[in-house]
Amino acid sequence: AAAALAALAYGVYRLATHQTEAQRAQRRLNEALEASAASAAAEQVRVDALFGTLEGATRGTRAYEEAKGAIVAQYGDYLKGLGDERAALDDVAAAYEAVSQGVLRAARARAKEAYLAKEQEVFEKGYAKRLEALRKTLQEKFGARGGNALLKELRPVLEGQRRIDEISAQARRRLAELNETRVRGGLFGNAADTYVDNRA
């Protein structure tokens, strides 16, 4: 009964920790979305200024051609779907919509790239910490040589390159020997560590 209670307490602890990690990931996602919106809004102000200059100029004048050239120079890629970039600017409303949508897509793509890079960094740091903790546990149980050998065999499994049933029989026996789960600080907050027999 004590083992079951200890296992339950450890499960609740892991769930709480996981939820905290999920909350941090959600916060990072929200920040990335806010950065995307801010970037798009700032760029849209520049688009509005350029198109405002174009609309304020008289067709055929030098000011009109300069405004048209500035838009094509900065946002020509977004106008390509409308045909010839310079000709596309003859329909100012369609050109404005194409550029605005292009700016929004580009801001989202930049935010997505930055978010994914950050998440990869967070994952790698967490993975490295967990891998080191596993290494320590295995070395404590099987010695430096035995622990490192078992970790070497487990690493492809942890990285999704191999299935657990593909490891050697010796490695499976060693894993079976790991029949205790250590819970730091005890189940009830005392200073002693609690060991839970996973066989119960």
C-alpha atoms as a PDB file:
ATOM      1  CA  ALA A   1       0.000   0.000   0.000  1.00  0.00           C
ATOM      2  CA  ALA A   2       2.868   2.351   0.854  1.00  0.00           C
ATOM      3  CA  ALA A   3       4.481   1.632  -2.502  1.00  0.00           C
ATOM      4  CA  ALA A   4       1.245   2.409  -4.345  1.00  0.00           C
ATOM      5  CA  LEU A   5       0.839   5.666  -2.404  1.00  0.00           C
ATOM      6  CA  ALA A   6       4.428   6.621  -3.156  1.00  0.00           C
ATOM      7  CA  ALA A   7       3.952   5.846  -6.843  1.00  0.00           C
ATOM      8  CA  LEU A   8       0.783   7.952  -6.896  1.00  0.00           C
ATOM      9  CA  ALA A   9       2.559  10.866  -5.196  1.00  0.00           C
ATOM     10  CA  TYR A  10       5.403  10.644  -7.699  1.00  0.00           C
ATOM     11  CA  GLY A  11       2.882  10.542 -10.574  1.00  0.00           C
ATOM     12  CA  VAL A  12       1.182  13.693  -9.279  1.00  0.00           C
ATOM     13  CA  TYR A  13       4.583  15.392  -8.986  1.00  0.00           C
ATOM     14  CA  ARG A  14       5.433  14.486 -12.615  1.00  0.00           C
ATOM     15  CA  LEU A  15       2.034  15.725 -13.800  1.00  0.00           C
ATOM     16  CA  ALA A  16       2.519  19.054 -12.004  1.00  0.00           C
ATOM     17  CA  THR A  17       6.007  19.415 -13.466  1.00  0.00           C
ATOM     18  CA  HIS A  18       4.745  18.563 -16.943  1.00  0.00           C
ATOM     19  CA  GLN A  19       1.959  21.142 -16.662  1.00  0.00           C
ATOM     20  CA  THR A  20       4.500  23.764 -15.660  1.00  0.00           C
ATOM     21  CA  GLU A  21       6.612  22.904 -18.712  1.00  0.00           C
ATOM     22  CA  ALA A  22       3.497  23.119 -20.891  1.00  0.00           C
ATOM     23  CA  GLN A  23       2.646  26.521 -19.435  1.00  0.00           C
ATOM     24  CA  ARG A  24       6.145  27.795 -20.211  1.00  0.00           C
ATOM     25  CA  ALA A  25       5.866  26.485 -23.773  1.00  0.00           C
ATOM     26  CA  GLN A  26       2.474  28.205 -24.152  1.00  0.00           C
ATOM     27  CA  ARG A  27       3.977  31.472 -22.875  1.00  0.00           C
ATOM     28  CA  ARG A  28       6.797  31.231 -25.446  1.00  0.00           C
ATOM     29  CA  LEU A  29       4.235  30.587 -28.197  1.00  0.00           C
ATOM     30  CA  ASN A  30       2.151  33.585 -27.102  1.00  0.00           C
ATOM     31  CA  GLU A  31       5.271  35.774 -27.125  1.00  0.00           C
ATOM     32  CA  ALA A  32       6.125  34.588 -30.647  1.00  0.00           C
ATOM     33  CA  LEU A  33       2.598  35.397 -31.833  1.00  0.00           C
ATOM     34  CA  GLU A  34       2.773  38.851 -30.241  1.00  0.00           C
ATOM     35  CA  ALA A  35       6.146  39.477 -31.902  1.00  0.00           C
ATOM     36  CA  SER A  36       4.652  38.432 -35.236  1.00  0.00           C
ATOM     37  CA  ALA A  37       1.723  40.811 -34.825  1.00  0.00           C
ATOM     38  CA  ALA A  38       4.005  43.681 -33.778  1.00  0.00           C
ATOM     39  CA  SER A  39       6.351  43.079 -36.709  1.00  0.00           C
ATOM     40  CA  ALA A  40       3.464  42.950 -39.180  1.00  0.00           C
ATOM     41  CA  ALA A  41       1.927  46.131 -37.727  1.00  0.00           C
ATOM     42  CA  ALA A  42       5.220  48.040 -37.960  1.00  0.00           C
ATOM     43  CA  GLU A  43       5.726  46.903 -41.553  1.00  0.00           C
ATOM     44  CA  GLN A  44       2.118  47.773 -42.413  1.00  0.00           C
ATOM     45  CA  VAL A  45       2.779  51.368 -41.305  1.00  0.00           C
ATOM     46  CA  ARG A  46       5.590  51.555 -43.898  1.00  0.00           C
ATOM     47  CA  VAL A  47       3.319  50.007 -46.555  1.00  0.00           C
ATOM     48  CA  ASP A  48       0.587  52.540 -45.751  1.00  0.00           C
ATOM     49  CA  ALA A  49       3.060  55.412 -46.031  1.00  0.00           C
ATOM     50  CA  LEU A  50       4.355  54.248 -49.426  1.00  0.00           C
ATOM     51  CA  PHE A  51       0.887  53.639 -50.839  1.00  0.00           C
ATOM     52  CA  GLY A  52      -0.292  56.944 -49.352  1.00  0.00           C
ATOM     53  CA  THR A  53       2.460  58.696 -51.281  1.00  0.00           C
ATOM     54  CA  LEU A  54       1.459  56.816 -54.459  1.00  0.00           C
ATOM     55  CA  GLU A  55      -2.217  57.665 -54.060  1.00  0.00           C
ATOM     56  CA  GLY A  56      -1.417  61.306 -53.295  1.00  0.00           C
ATOM     57  CA  ALA A  57       0.643  61.716 -56.451  1.00  0.00           C
ATOM     58  CA  THR A  58      -0.811  62.366 -59.908  1.00  0.00           C
ATOM     59  CA  ARG A  59      -0.433  59.562 -62.438  1.00  0.00           C
ATOM     60  CA  GLY A  60       2.304  60.160 -64.956  1.00  0.00           C
ATOM     61  CA  THR A  61       4.236  62.602 -62.763  1.00  0.00           C
ATOM     62  CA  ARG A  62       7.749  62.076 -61.510  1.00  0.00           C
ATOM     63  CA  ALA A  63       6.474  61.814 -57.890  1.00  0.00           C
ATOM     64  CA  TYR A  64       4.086  59.040 -58.956  1.00  0.00           C
ATOM     65  CA  GLU A  65       6.846  57.091 -60.724  1.00  0.00           C
ATOM     66  CA  GLU A  66       9.188  57.513 -57.731  1.00  0.00           C
ATOM     67  CA  ALA A  67       6.499  56.241 -55.342  1.00  0.00           C
ATOM     68  CA  LYS A  68       5.810  53.318 -57.684  1.00  0.00           C
ATOM     69  CA  GLY A  69       9.565  52.553 -57.875  1.00  0.00           C
ATOM     70  CA  ALA A  70       9.903  52.645 -54.083  1.00  0.00           C
ATOM     71  CA  ILE A  71       7.039  50.153 -53.680  1.00  0.00           C
ATOM     72  CA  VAL A  72       8.453  47.810 -56.319  1.00  0.00           C
ATOM     73  CA  ALA A  73      11.946  48.064 -54.783  1.00  0.00           C
ATOM     74  CA  GLN A  74      10.723  47.137 -51.319  1.00  0.00           C
ATOM     75  CA  TYR A  75       7.749  44.890 -52.014  1.00  0.00           C
ATOM     76  CA  GLY A  76       8.090  43.727 -55.615  1.00  0.00           C
ATOM     77  CA  ASP A  77       8.178  40.071 -54.582  1.00  0.00           C
ATOM     78  CA  TYR A  78       4.701  40.389 -53.090  1.00  0.00           C
ATOM     79  CA  LEU A  79       3.342  41.839 -56.348  1.00  0.00           C
ATOM     80  CA  LYS A  80       4.571  39.008 -58.589  1.00  0.00           C
ATOM     81  CA  GLY A  81       1.306  37.115 -58.263  1.00  0.00           C
ATOM     82  CA  LEU A  82      -0.411  40.042 -59.967  1.00  0.00           C
ATOM     83  CA  GLY A  83       1.762  39.896 -63.106  1.00  0.00           C
ATOM     84  CA  ASP A  84       4.297  42.565 -64.007  1.00  0.00           C
ATOM     85  CA  GLU A  85       5.133  44.445 -60.789  1.00  0.00           C
ATOM     86  CA  ARG A  86       4.994  47.913 -62.344  1.00  0.00           C
ATOM     87  CA  ALA A  87       1.771  47.186 -64.221  1.00  0.00           C
ATOM     88  CA  ALA A  88       0.278  45.631 -61.068  1.00  0.00           C
ATOM     89  CA  LEU A  89       0.600  48.982 -59.351  1.00  0.00           C
ATOM     90  CA  ASP A  90      -1.916  50.426 -61.829  1.00  0.00           C
ATOM     91  CA  ASP A  91      -4.584  48.674 -59.732  1.00  0.00           C
ATOM     92  CA  VAL A  92      -3.576  50.308 -56.452  1.00  0.00           C
ATOM     93  CA  ALA A  93      -6.203  48.534 -54.341  1.00  0.00           C
ATOM     94  CA  ALA A  94      -5.163  45.048 -55.566  1.00  0.00           C
ATOM     95  CA  ALA A  95      -1.487  45.930 -55.177  1.00  0.00           C
ATOM     96  CA  TYR A  96      -2.067  47.244 -51.661  1.00  0.00           C
ATOM     97  CA  GLU A  97      -3.926  44.049 -50.705  1.00  0.00           C
ATOM     98  CA  ALA A  98      -1.181  41.828 -52.193  1.00  0.00           C
ATOM     99  CA  VAL A  99       1.572  43.703 -50.385  1.00  0.00           C
ATOM    100  CA  SER A 100      -0.356  43.744 -47.096  1.00  0.00           C
ATOM    101  CA  GLN A 101      -0.959  39.999 -47.275  1.00  0.00           C
ATOM    102  CA  GLY A 102       2.683  39.396 -48.211  1.00  0.00           C
ATOM    103  CA  VAL A 103       3.877  41.443 -45.248  1.00  0.00           C
ATOM    104  CA  LEU A 104       1.609  39.458 -42.922  1.00  0.00           C
ATOM    105  CA  ARG A 105       2.805  36.094 -44.314  1.00  0.00           C
ATOM    106  CA  ALA A 106       6.443  37.153 -44.039  1.00  0.00           C
ATOM    107  CA  ALA A 107       6.017  38.311 -40.418  1.00  0.00           C
ATOM    108  CA  ARG A 108       4.344  35.026 -39.512  1.00  0.00           C
ATOM    109  CA  ALA A 109       7.088  33.030 -41.231  1.00  0.00           C
ATOM    110  CA  ARG A 110       9.805  34.949 -39.344  1.00  0.00           C
ATOM    111  CA  ALA A 111       7.994  34.454 -36.031  1.00  0.00           C
ATOM    112  CA  LYS A 112       7.504  30.757 -36.734  1.00  0.00           C
ATOM    113  CA  GLU A 113      11.173  30.311 -37.574  1.00  0.00           C
ATOM    114  CA  ALA A 114      12.264  32.149 -34.429  1.00  0.00           C
ATOM    115  CA  TYR A 115       9.814  30.178 -32.275  1.00  0.00           C
ATOM    116  CA  LEU A 116      10.931  26.825 -33.658  1.00  0.00           C
ATOM    117  CA  ALA A 117      14.592  27.728 -33.154  1.00  0.00           C
ATOM    118  CA  LYS A 118      13.875  28.709 -29.539  1.00  0.00           C
ATOM    119  CA  GLU A 119      11.884  25.521 -28.892  1.00  0.00           C
ATOM    120  CA  GLN A 120      14.713  23.450 -30.353  1.00  0.00           C
ATOM    121  CA  GLU A 121      17.148  25.176 -27.988  1.00  0.00           C
ATOM    122  CA  VAL A 122      14.841  24.586 -24.992  1.00  0.00           C
ATOM    123  CA  PHE A 123      14.422  20.936 -25.967  1.00  0.00           C
ATOM    124  CA  GLU A 124      18.162  20.407 -26.378  1.00  0.00           C
ATOM    125  CA  LYS A 125      18.926  21.947 -22.988  1.00  0.00           C
ATOM    126  CA  GLY A 126      16.248  19.859 -21.277  1.00  0.00           C
ATOM    127  CA  TYR A 127      17.334  16.721 -23.112  1.00  0.00           C
ATOM    128  CA  ALA A 128      20.949  17.280 -22.088  1.00  0.00           C
ATOM    129  CA  LYS A 129      19.936  17.693 -18.426  1.00  0.00           C
ATOM    130  CA  ARG A 130      17.771  14.561 -18.477  1.00  0.00           C
ATOM    131  CA  LEU A 131      20.470  12.589 -20.271  1.00  0.00           C
ATOM    132  CA  GLU A 132      23.029  13.615 -17.660  1.00  0.00           C
ATOM    133  CA  ALA A 133      20.648  12.640 -14.841  1.00  0.00           C
ATOM    134  CA  LEU A 134      20.121   9.268 -16.506  1.00  0.00           C
ATOM    135  CA  ARG A 135      23.874   8.836 -16.900  1.00  0.00           C
ATOM    136  CA  LYS A 136      24.399   9.536 -13.192  1.00  0.00           C
ATOM    137  CA  THR A 137      21.664   7.090 -12.175  1.00  0.00           C
ATOM    138  CA  LEU A 138      23.046   4.350 -14.402  1.00  0.00           C
ATOM    139  CA  GLN A 139      26.600   4.947 -13.188  1.00  0.00           C
ATOM    140  CA  GLU A 140      25.464   4.850  -9.550  1.00  0.00           C
ATOM    141  CA  LYS A 141      23.735   1.532 -10.143  1.00  0.00           C
ATOM    142  CA  PHE A 142      26.180  -0.163 -12.548  1.00  0.00           C
ATOM    143  CA  GLY A 143      29.463   1.729 -12.159  1.00  0.00           C
ATOM    144  CA  ALA A 144      31.009   4.109 -14.672  1.00  0.00           C
ATOM    145  CA  ARG A 145      31.772   1.492 -17.326  1.00  0.00           C
ATOM    146  CA  GLY A 146      28.478  -0.434 -17.012  1.00  0.00           C
ATOM    147  CA  GLY A 147      26.368   2.735 -16.786  1.00  0.00           C
ATOM    148  CA  ASN A 148      28.017   4.317 -19.795  1.00  0.00           C
ATOM    149  CA  ALA A 149      27.658   1.107 -21.817  1.00  0.00           C
ATOM    150  CA  LEU A 150      23.939   0.899 -20.993  1.00  0.00           C
ATOM    151  CA  LEU A 151      23.428   4.572 -21.824  1.00  0.00           C
ATOM    152  CA  LYS A 152      25.208   4.093 -25.135  1.00  0.00           C
ATOM    153  CA  GLU A 153      22.735   1.349 -25.984  1.00  0.00           C
ATOM    154  CA  LEU A 154      19.724   3.336 -24.742  1.00  0.00           C
ATOM    155  CA  ARG A 155      20.561   6.619 -26.448  1.00  0.00           C
ATOM    156  CA  PRO A 156      19.265   5.589 -29.928  1.00  0.00           C
ATOM    157  CA  VAL A 157      16.022   4.507 -28.224  1.00  0.00           C
ATOM    158  CA  LEU A 158      15.728   7.868 -26.463  1.00  0.00           C
ATOM    159  CA  GLU A 159      16.331   9.674 -29.753  1.00  0.00           C
ATOM    160  CA  GLY A 160      13.696   7.650 -31.588  1.00  0.00           C
ATOM    161  CA  GLN A 161      16.170   5.868 -33.855  1.00  0.00           C
ATOM    162  CA  ARG A 162      15.568   2.445 -32.343  1.00  0.00           C
ATOM    163  CA  ARG A 163      12.806   0.590 -30.501  1.00  0.00           C
ATOM    164  CA  ILE A 164      13.335  -0.545 -26.910  1.00  0.00           C
ATOM    165  CA  ASP A 165      12.804  -4.185 -27.868  1.00  0.00           C
ATOM    166  CA  GLU A 166      15.811  -3.925 -30.207  1.00  0.00           C
ATOM    167  CA  ILE A 167      18.350  -3.456 -27.411  1.00  0.00           C
ATOM    168  CA  SER A 168      20.469  -6.393 -26.264  1.00  0.00           C
ATOM    169  CA  ALA A 169      19.230  -8.979 -23.770  1.00  0.00           C
ATOM    170  CA  GLN A 170      21.941  -7.838 -21.353  1.00  0.00           C
ATOM    171  CA  ALA A 171      20.705  -4.235 -21.542  1.00  0.00           C
ATOM    172  CA  ARG A 172      17.116  -5.387 -20.936  1.00  0.00           C
ATOM    173  CA  ARG A 173      18.283  -7.366 -17.865  1.00  0.00           C
ATOM    174  CA  ARG A 174      20.095  -4.312 -16.546  1.00  0.00           C
ATOM    175  CA  LEU A 175      17.005  -2.184 -17.012  1.00  0.00           C
ATOM    176  CA  ALA A 176      14.992  -4.771 -15.099  1.00  0.00           C
ATOM    177  CA  GLU A 177      17.431  -4.334 -12.214  1.00  0.00           C
ATOM    178  CA  LEU A 178      16.388  -0.718 -11.947  1.00  0.00           C
ATOM    179  CA  ASN A 179      13.454  -1.554  -9.729  1.00  0.00           C
ATOM    180  CA  GLU A 180      13.460   1.514  -7.514  1.00  0.00           C
ATOM    181  CA  THR A 181      12.262   5.017  -8.166  1.00  0.00           C
ATOM    182  CA  ARG A 182      13.889   7.705  -6.070  1.00  0.00           C
ATOM    183  CA  VAL A 183      11.748  10.637  -4.960  1.00  0.00           C
ATOM    184  CA  ARG A 184      13.791  13.563  -3.592  1.00  0.00           C
ATOM    185  CA  GLY A 185      12.673  15.040  -0.291  1.00  0.00           C
ATOM    186  CA  GLY A 186      10.456  12.126   0.603  1.00  0.00           C
ATOM    187  CA  LEU A 187       6.760  11.854  -0.013  1.00  0.00           C
ATOM    188  CA  PHE A 188       5.750  14.077   2.860  1.00  0.00           C
ATOM    189  CA  GLY A 189       8.397  16.779   2.561  1.00  0.00           C
ATOM    190  CA  ASN A 190      10.943  15.346   4.994  1.00  0.00           C
ATOM    191  CA  ALA A 191      14.639  15.445   4.203  1.00  0.00           C
ATOM    192  CA  ALA A 192      15.029  11.722   3.610  1.00  0.00           C
ATOM    193  CA  ASP A 193      14.742  10.279   0.132  1.00  0.00           C
ATOM    194  CA  THR A 194      11.933   7.847  -0.494  1.00  0.00           C
ATOM    195  CA  TYR A 195      12.456   4.730  -2.585  1.00  0.00           C
ATOM    196  CA  VAL A 196       9.533   3.167  -4.361  1.00  0.00           C
ATOM    197  CA  ASP A 197       9.763  -0.424  -5.492  1.00  0.00           C
ATOM    198  CA  ASN A 198       8.386  -0.429  -9.049  1.00  0.00           C
ATOM    199  CA  ARG A 199       7.700  -4.184  -8.817  1.00  0.00           C
ATOM    200  CA  ALA A 200       4.819  -3.624  -6.363  1.00  0.00           C
END
